[in-house]
Amino acid sequence: MKTISLLGAIFLPGAYMASVFSMTFFNFQTSDGPVLSPKFWVYWVITVPLTIGIVAFWYVYEKRREAIYDKEDADLEKGSDDMEKDIMATMRKRTMSKASTWNAKKSE
């Protein structure tokens, strides 16, 4: 996963810039310098909502996944507490049954 993340961090910005500058929104062939198309707003109208939608979907998905894991952890913790109480009760019962013989009077 770290390798994929590293490769994405290295190549994604370059790929993004190449795709933006290869669009017909820019004209670098004019003698007056680069010219920006009046329809460049379309790029932002599509990109910004799409990005917000993807991030929102990811956020909701992560919160639901964390809630499931928190519930599983709580159930596991409750089960561990119940098991510990049962073990301690059993140990107390065994110890107390032997403790009664310690205080018994010796018959002489």
N, C-alpha and C. Protein backbone atom coordinates (compact mmCIF):
# COMPACT_ATOMS: atom_id res chain seq x y z
N MET A 1 0.82 -1.19 0.00
CA MET A 1 0.00 0.00 0.00
C MET A 1 0.87 1.26 0.00
N LYS A 2 1.98 1.18 0.74
CA LYS A 2 2.85 2.35 0.78
C LYS A 2 3.46 2.62 -0.59
N THR A 3 3.78 1.56 -1.31
CA THR A 3 4.38 1.71 -2.63
C THR A 3 3.38 2.35 -3.59
N ILE A 4 2.13 1.89 -3.54
CA ILE A 4 1.10 2.46 -4.42
C ILE A 4 0.87 3.93 -4.08
N SER A 5 0.83 4.24 -2.79
CA SER A 5 0.65 5.64 -2.38
C SER A 5 1.81 6.50 -2.85
N LEU A 6 3.02 5.98 -2.73
CA LEU A 6 4.19 6.73 -3.16
C LEU A 6 4.16 6.97 -4.67
N LEU A 7 3.84 5.93 -5.44
CA LEU A 7 3.75 6.09 -6.89
C LEU A 7 2.67 7.09 -7.28
N GLY A 8 1.53 7.03 -6.58
CA GLY A 8 0.46 7.99 -6.84
C GLY A 8 0.90 9.41 -6.53
N ALA A 9 1.60 9.57 -5.40
CA ALA A 9 2.07 10.91 -5.02
C ALA A 9 3.09 11.45 -6.02
N ILE A 10 3.85 10.57 -6.63
CA ILE A 10 4.87 11.00 -7.58
C ILE A 10 4.26 11.33 -8.95
N PHE A 11 3.42 10.44 -9.46
CA PHE A 11 2.94 10.58 -10.84
C PHE A 11 1.61 11.32 -10.98
N LEU A 12 0.77 11.36 -9.96
CA LEU A 12 -0.53 11.98 -10.10
C LEU A 12 -0.48 13.48 -10.38
N PRO A 13 0.35 14.26 -9.70
CA PRO A 13 0.38 15.70 -10.05
C PRO A 13 0.80 15.96 -11.49
N GLY A 14 1.77 15.22 -11.98
CA GLY A 14 2.19 15.39 -13.37
C GLY A 14 1.11 15.00 -14.35
N ALA A 15 0.41 13.90 -14.06
CA ALA A 15 -0.68 13.46 -14.92
C ALA A 15 -1.82 14.48 -14.91
N TYR A 16 -2.10 15.04 -13.76
CA TYR A 16 -3.15 16.05 -13.64
C TYR A 16 -2.80 17.28 -14.47
N MET A 17 -1.58 17.77 -14.31
CA MET A 17 -1.18 18.97 -15.05
C MET A 17 -1.16 18.71 -16.56
N ALA A 18 -0.73 17.52 -16.95
CA ALA A 18 -0.71 17.19 -18.37
C ALA A 18 -2.13 17.15 -18.94
N SER A 19 -3.06 16.62 -18.16
CA SER A 19 -4.43 16.54 -18.66
C SER A 19 -5.07 17.93 -18.73
N VAL A 20 -4.80 18.79 -17.76
CA VAL A 20 -5.37 20.14 -17.79
C VAL A 20 -4.81 20.94 -18.97
N PHE A 21 -3.51 20.89 -19.15
CA PHE A 21 -2.90 21.70 -20.21
C PHE A 21 -3.08 21.10 -21.60
N SER A 22 -3.53 19.86 -21.68
CA SER A 22 -3.81 19.29 -23.00
C SER A 22 -5.24 19.56 -23.45
N MET A 23 -6.04 20.13 -22.56
CA MET A 23 -7.42 20.45 -22.92
C MET A 23 -7.45 21.61 -23.91
N THR A 24 -8.58 21.75 -24.53
CA THR A 24 -8.73 22.82 -25.51
C THR A 24 -9.02 24.16 -24.84
N PHE A 25 -8.91 24.22 -23.53
CA PHE A 25 -9.13 25.46 -22.81
C PHE A 25 -7.97 26.44 -23.01
N PHE A 26 -6.84 25.91 -23.41
CA PHE A 26 -5.65 26.75 -23.56
C PHE A 26 -5.19 26.75 -25.02
N ASN A 27 -4.75 27.89 -25.48
CA ASN A 27 -4.18 28.00 -26.81
C ASN A 27 -2.82 28.68 -26.65
N PHE A 28 -1.77 27.88 -26.81
CA PHE A 28 -0.42 28.39 -26.65
C PHE A 28 0.19 28.84 -27.98
N GLN A 29 -0.55 28.75 -29.07
CA GLN A 29 -0.01 28.99 -30.40
C GLN A 29 -0.22 30.43 -30.89
N THR A 30 -0.80 31.28 -30.08
CA THR A 30 -1.03 32.65 -30.52
C THR A 30 0.23 33.49 -30.34
N SER A 31 0.33 34.55 -31.12
CA SER A 31 1.50 35.41 -31.03
C SER A 31 1.44 36.33 -29.81
N ASP A 32 0.22 36.52 -29.26
CA ASP A 32 0.07 37.37 -28.08
C ASP A 32 0.34 36.62 -26.77
N GLY A 33 0.64 35.37 -26.84
CA GLY A 33 0.85 34.56 -25.64
C GLY A 33 -0.30 33.59 -25.46
N PRO A 34 -0.26 32.84 -24.38
CA PRO A 34 -1.33 31.85 -24.17
C PRO A 34 -2.68 32.53 -23.97
N VAL A 35 -3.71 31.90 -24.54
CA VAL A 35 -5.07 32.43 -24.44
C VAL A 35 -5.94 31.39 -23.74
N LEU A 36 -6.71 31.85 -22.78
CA LEU A 36 -7.60 30.98 -22.03
C LEU A 36 -8.99 31.01 -22.66
N SER A 37 -9.57 29.84 -22.85
CA SER A 37 -10.90 29.75 -23.45
C SER A 37 -11.96 30.32 -22.52
N PRO A 38 -12.99 30.95 -23.07
CA PRO A 38 -14.07 31.45 -22.21
C PRO A 38 -14.89 30.32 -21.59
N LYS A 39 -14.71 29.09 -22.04
CA LYS A 39 -15.44 27.95 -21.49
C LYS A 39 -14.64 27.21 -20.42
N PHE A 40 -13.61 27.82 -19.90
CA PHE A 40 -12.78 27.18 -18.86
C PHE A 40 -13.58 26.93 -17.58
N TRP A 41 -14.64 27.68 -17.36
CA TRP A 41 -15.48 27.51 -16.19
C TRP A 41 -16.11 26.11 -16.14
N VAL A 42 -16.28 25.47 -17.29
CA VAL A 42 -16.87 24.13 -17.34
C VAL A 42 -15.99 23.14 -16.56
N TYR A 43 -14.69 23.30 -16.70
CA TYR A 43 -13.76 22.44 -15.98
C TYR A 43 -14.02 22.51 -14.48
N TRP A 44 -14.16 23.72 -13.93
CA TRP A 44 -14.37 23.89 -12.50
C TRP A 44 -15.76 23.45 -12.07
N VAL A 45 -16.76 23.65 -12.92
CA VAL A 45 -18.12 23.24 -12.59
C VAL A 45 -18.22 21.72 -12.46
N ILE A 46 -17.44 21.01 -13.23
CA ILE A 46 -17.45 19.55 -13.16
C ILE A 46 -16.52 19.04 -12.06
N THR A 47 -15.32 19.61 -11.98
CA THR A 47 -14.30 19.10 -11.07
C THR A 47 -14.63 19.33 -9.60
N VAL A 48 -15.06 20.51 -9.24
CA VAL A 48 -15.29 20.82 -7.82
C VAL A 48 -16.43 19.98 -7.23
N PRO A 49 -17.62 19.91 -7.84
CA PRO A 49 -18.67 19.06 -7.25
C PRO A 49 -18.29 17.57 -7.23
N LEU A 50 -17.61 17.12 -8.26
CA LEU A 50 -17.19 15.72 -8.29
C LEU A 50 -16.22 15.43 -7.15
N THR A 51 -15.27 16.31 -6.92
CA THR A 51 -14.31 16.13 -5.83
C THR A 51 -15.02 16.16 -4.49
N ILE A 52 -15.92 17.11 -4.30
CA ILE A 52 -16.67 17.20 -3.04
C ILE A 52 -17.51 15.95 -2.83
N GLY A 53 -18.13 15.46 -3.89
CA GLY A 53 -18.93 14.24 -3.79
C GLY A 53 -18.10 13.03 -3.41
N ILE A 54 -16.94 12.89 -4.00
CA ILE A 54 -16.08 11.75 -3.69
C ILE A 54 -15.59 11.83 -2.25
N VAL A 55 -15.17 13.01 -1.82
CA VAL A 55 -14.70 13.18 -0.44
C VAL A 55 -15.84 12.93 0.55
N ALA A 56 -17.04 13.41 0.25
CA ALA A 56 -18.19 13.19 1.13
C ALA A 56 -18.53 11.71 1.21
N PHE A 57 -18.52 11.01 0.07
CA PHE A 57 -18.77 9.56 0.07
C PHE A 57 -17.75 8.85 0.92
N TRP A 58 -16.48 9.20 0.76
CA TRP A 58 -15.41 8.57 1.55
C TRP A 58 -15.61 8.84 3.04
N TYR A 59 -15.98 10.09 3.39
CA TYR A 59 -16.16 10.45 4.79
C TYR A 59 -17.28 9.63 5.43
N VAL A 60 -18.41 9.53 4.74
CA VAL A 60 -19.55 8.76 5.25
C VAL A 60 -19.17 7.28 5.36
N TYR A 61 -18.51 6.75 4.36
CA TYR A 61 -18.08 5.36 4.38
C TYR A 61 -17.15 5.09 5.57
N GLU A 62 -16.19 5.97 5.80
CA GLU A 62 -15.24 5.79 6.91
C GLU A 62 -15.95 5.87 8.25
N LYS A 63 -16.89 6.80 8.40
CA LYS A 63 -17.62 6.93 9.67
C LYS A 63 -18.44 5.66 9.94
N ARG A 64 -19.09 5.12 8.91
CA ARG A 64 -19.86 3.88 9.10
C ARG A 64 -18.95 2.72 9.45
N ARG A 65 -17.81 2.64 8.78
CA ARG A 65 -16.86 1.56 9.05
C ARG A 65 -16.32 1.67 10.47
N GLU A 66 -16.00 2.87 10.90
CA GLU A 66 -15.51 3.08 12.26
C GLU A 66 -16.59 2.73 13.29
N ALA A 67 -17.85 3.06 13.00
CA ALA A 67 -18.95 2.73 13.91
C ALA A 67 -19.09 1.23 14.06
N ILE A 68 -18.95 0.50 12.96
CA ILE A 68 -19.03 -0.96 13.02
C ILE A 68 -17.90 -1.51 13.86
N TYR A 69 -16.68 -1.02 13.64
CA TYR A 69 -15.53 -1.49 14.42
C TYR A 69 -15.68 -1.12 15.90
N ASP A 70 -16.20 0.08 16.19
CA ASP A 70 -16.40 0.47 17.59
C ASP A 70 -17.42 -0.44 18.27
N LYS A 71 -18.49 -0.81 17.53
CA LYS A 71 -19.50 -1.71 18.10
C LYS A 71 -18.89 -3.09 18.35
N GLU A 72 -18.11 -3.58 17.41
CA GLU A 72 -17.46 -4.88 17.59
C GLU A 72 -16.50 -4.85 18.78
N ASP A 73 -15.76 -3.75 18.92
CA ASP A 73 -14.84 -3.62 20.05
C ASP A 73 -15.59 -3.58 21.37
N ALA A 74 -16.72 -2.86 21.41
CA ALA A 74 -17.53 -2.79 22.63
C ALA A 74 -18.08 -4.17 22.99
N ASP A 75 -18.56 -4.91 21.98
CA ASP A 75 -19.07 -6.26 22.22
C ASP A 75 -17.96 -7.17 22.73
N LEU A 76 -16.79 -7.06 22.15
CA LEU A 76 -15.65 -7.87 22.57
C LEU A 76 -15.25 -7.52 24.00
N GLU A 77 -15.23 -6.23 24.31
CA GLU A 77 -14.87 -5.78 25.66
C GLU A 77 -15.89 -6.28 26.67
N LYS A 78 -17.19 -6.20 26.34
CA LYS A 78 -18.23 -6.69 27.23
C LYS A 78 -18.08 -8.19 27.45
N GLY A 79 -17.81 -8.91 26.37
CA GLY A 79 -17.60 -10.35 26.49
C GLY A 79 -16.40 -10.66 27.37
N SER A 80 -15.34 -9.88 27.24
CA SER A 80 -14.15 -10.09 28.06
C SER A 80 -14.45 -9.79 29.53
N ASP A 81 -15.21 -8.72 29.78
CA ASP A 81 -15.57 -8.39 31.16
C ASP A 81 -16.43 -9.48 31.78
N ASP A 82 -17.41 -9.98 31.02
CA ASP A 82 -18.27 -11.06 31.52
C ASP A 82 -17.46 -12.31 31.81
N MET A 83 -16.53 -12.65 30.92
CA MET A 83 -15.70 -13.82 31.13
C MET A 83 -14.82 -13.65 32.37
N GLU A 84 -14.28 -12.45 32.56
CA GLU A 84 -13.44 -12.19 33.72
C GLU A 84 -14.26 -12.32 35.01
N LYS A 85 -15.50 -11.81 35.01
CA LYS A 85 -16.36 -11.93 36.19
C LYS A 85 -16.66 -13.39 36.50
N ASP A 86 -16.93 -14.19 35.48
CA ASP A 86 -17.19 -15.61 35.68
C ASP A 86 -15.98 -16.33 36.25
N ILE A 87 -14.81 -16.02 35.73
CA ILE A 87 -13.58 -16.65 36.22
C ILE A 87 -13.33 -16.27 37.67
N MET A 88 -13.49 -14.98 37.98
CA MET A 88 -13.25 -14.52 39.35
C MET A 88 -14.26 -15.15 40.31
N ALA A 89 -15.53 -15.29 39.90
CA ALA A 89 -16.55 -15.91 40.75
C ALA A 89 -16.20 -17.37 41.00
N THR A 90 -15.76 -18.07 39.99
CA THR A 90 -15.38 -19.47 40.14
C THR A 90 -14.18 -19.60 41.08
N MET A 91 -13.20 -18.73 40.91
CA MET A 91 -12.01 -18.78 41.77
C MET A 91 -12.40 -18.46 43.22
N ARG A 92 -13.28 -17.48 43.42
CA ARG A 92 -13.73 -17.13 44.76
C ARG A 92 -14.46 -18.31 45.41
N LYS A 93 -15.32 -18.97 44.63
CA LYS A 93 -16.08 -20.10 45.15
C LYS A 93 -15.15 -21.23 45.57
N ARG A 94 -14.16 -21.53 44.75
CA ARG A 94 -13.20 -22.60 45.08
C ARG A 94 -12.35 -22.22 46.30
N THR A 95 -11.95 -20.97 46.35
CA THR A 95 -11.11 -20.53 47.46
C THR A 95 -11.90 -20.54 48.76
N MET A 96 -13.14 -20.07 48.73
CA MET A 96 -13.95 -20.03 49.94
C MET A 96 -14.30 -21.43 50.44
N SER A 97 -14.46 -22.38 49.53
CA SER A 97 -14.76 -23.74 49.98
C SER A 97 -13.57 -24.34 50.70
N LYS A 98 -12.37 -23.96 50.33
CA LYS A 98 -11.18 -24.46 51.01
C LYS A 98 -10.87 -23.62 52.24
N ALA A 99 -11.30 -22.35 52.24
CA ALA A 99 -11.04 -21.48 53.39
C ALA A 99 -11.80 -21.95 54.61
N SER A 100 -12.94 -22.58 54.43
CA SER A 100 -13.71 -23.06 55.58
C SER A 100 -12.97 -24.15 56.31
N THR A 101 -12.13 -24.90 55.65
CA THR A 101 -11.37 -25.95 56.33
C THR A 101 -10.20 -25.37 57.10
N TRP A 102 -9.79 -24.19 56.78
CA TRP A 102 -8.66 -23.56 57.49
C TRP A 102 -9.08 -23.15 58.91
N ASN A 103 -10.33 -22.74 59.06
CA ASN A 103 -10.79 -22.28 60.36
C ASN A 103 -11.43 -23.40 61.19
N ALA A 104 -11.44 -24.58 60.68
CA ALA A 104 -12.05 -25.69 61.40
C ALA A 104 -11.21 -26.02 62.63
N LYS A 105 -11.91 -26.38 63.72
CA LYS A 105 -11.21 -26.72 64.95
C LYS A 105 -10.62 -28.11 64.83
N LYS A 106 -9.45 -28.21 65.38
CA LYS A 106 -8.81 -29.54 65.38
C LYS A 106 -9.46 -30.37 66.48
N SER A 107 -9.76 -31.54 66.13
CA SER A 107 -10.30 -32.42 67.16
C SER A 107 -9.16 -33.16 67.83
N GLU A 108 -8.99 -32.92 69.10
CA GLU A 108 -7.88 -33.55 69.83
C GLU A 108 -8.37 -34.51 70.82
